[in-house]
C-alpha atoms as a PDB file:
ATOM      1  CA  MET A   1      15.704  67.502-178.402  1.00  0.00           C
ATOM      2  CA  ALA A   2      12.319  66.323-176.747  1.00  0.00           C
ATOM      3  CA  ALA A   3      10.606  67.164-173.687  1.00  0.00           C
ATOM      4  CA  PRO A   4      12.000  65.043-170.220  1.00  0.00           C
ATOM      5  CA  THR A   5       9.023  62.788-168.905  1.00  0.00           C
ATOM      6  CA  PRO A   6       7.484  63.994-164.685  1.00  0.00           C
ATOM      7  CA  HIS A   7       9.295  62.674-162.349  1.00  0.00           C
ATOM      8  CA  PRO A   8       9.949  59.142-162.072  1.00  0.00           C
ATOM      9  CA  ILE A   9       8.218  58.868-159.272  1.00  0.00           C
ATOM     10  CA  GLY A  10       5.108  60.836-158.438  1.00  0.00           C
ATOM     11  CA  PRO A  11       4.484  63.782-156.267  1.00  0.00           C
ATOM     12  CA  SER A  12       2.661  62.747-153.576  1.00  0.00           C
ATOM     13  CA  GLY A  13      -1.020  64.456-153.979  1.00  0.00           C
ATOM     14  CA  ASP A  14      -1.217  65.263-150.077  1.00  0.00           C
ATOM     15  CA  CYS A  15       2.405  66.560-149.733  1.00  0.00           C
ATOM     16  CA  ARG A  16       3.018  70.614-149.937  1.00  0.00           C
ATOM     17  CA  THR A  17       6.841  69.898-150.224  1.00  0.00           C
ATOM     18  CA  CYS A  18       6.028  68.103-153.400  1.00  0.00           C
ATOM     19  CA  ALA A  19       2.715  70.710-153.804  1.00  0.00           C
ATOM     20  CA  LYS A  20       6.219  73.591-153.736  1.00  0.00           C
ATOM     21  CA  LEU A  21       8.118  71.673-155.878  1.00  0.00           C
ATOM     22  CA  SER A  22       6.553  70.081-158.888  1.00  0.00           C
ATOM     23  CA  ARG A  23       5.536  73.625-159.324  1.00  0.00           C
ATOM     24  CA  GLU A  24       8.470  74.805-159.220  1.00  0.00           C
ATOM     25  CA  GLU A  25       9.817  72.848-161.892  1.00  0.00           C
ATOM     26  CA  ARG A  26       6.253  73.012-164.291  1.00  0.00           C
ATOM     27  CA  GLU A  27       8.021  77.273-163.822  1.00  0.00           C
ATOM     28  CA  ALA A  28      11.058  75.957-164.409  1.00  0.00           C
ATOM     29  CA  VAL A  29      10.296  73.951-167.672  1.00  0.00           C
ATOM     30  CA  ALA A  30       8.164  76.977-169.191  1.00  0.00           C
ATOM     31  CA  CYS A  31      11.446  79.206-168.786  1.00  0.00           C
ATOM     32  CA  GLY A  32      13.536  76.559-170.472  1.00  0.00           C
ATOM     33  CA  ASP A  33      15.744  76.078-167.270  1.00  0.00           C
ATOM     34  CA  GLN A  34      15.907  72.236-168.262  1.00  0.00           C
ATOM     35  CA  SER A  35      18.229  71.875-165.081  1.00  0.00           C
ATOM     36  CA  ARG A  36      16.396  73.161-161.757  1.00  0.00           C
ATOM     37  CA  ALA A  37      13.391  70.836-163.351  1.00  0.00           C
ATOM     38  CA  THR A  38      15.496  67.905-163.271  1.00  0.00           C
ATOM     39  CA  ASP A  39      16.809  69.388-159.235  1.00  0.00           C
ATOM     40  CA  CYS A  40      12.917  69.353-158.746  1.00  0.00           C
ATOM     41  CA  ARG A  41      12.493  66.133-159.663  1.00  0.00           C
ATOM     42  CA  VAL A  42      15.456  64.506-157.605  1.00  0.00           C
ATOM     43  CA  LEU A  43      13.967  66.445-154.748  1.00  0.00           C
ATOM     44  CA  ILE A  44      10.457  65.598-155.551  1.00  0.00           C
ATOM     45  CA  ALA A  45      11.777  61.577-155.569  1.00  0.00           C
ATOM     46  CA  ARG A  46      14.037  61.848-152.702  1.00  0.00           C
ATOM     47  CA  HIS A  47      12.155  63.711-149.626  1.00  0.00           C
ATOM     48  CA  PRO A  48      10.659  62.057-147.065  1.00  0.00           C
ATOM     49  CA  HIS A  49       6.443  62.422-148.113  1.00  0.00           C
ATOM     50  CA  GLU A  50       4.610  64.117-145.300  1.00  0.00           C
ATOM     51  CA  GLY A  51       2.643  61.582-144.052  1.00  0.00           C
ATOM     52  CA  ALA A  52       4.193  58.507-145.741  1.00  0.00           C
ATOM     53  CA  ALA A  53       6.179  55.535-143.693  1.00  0.00           C
ATOM     54  CA  ARG A  54       9.844  55.103-145.490  1.00  0.00           C
END
């Protein structure tokens, strides 16, 4: 099975939440926990980014 592509909506470079979730996603992938990695991608895409008008 091919590795999933990174988040379709990339993390905001200046958002602490994005940075935390991106780090958790990489750790989950490294441990083989694709479910958690997917959860992190969804959370990155859905949360209001700090400093961004949504």
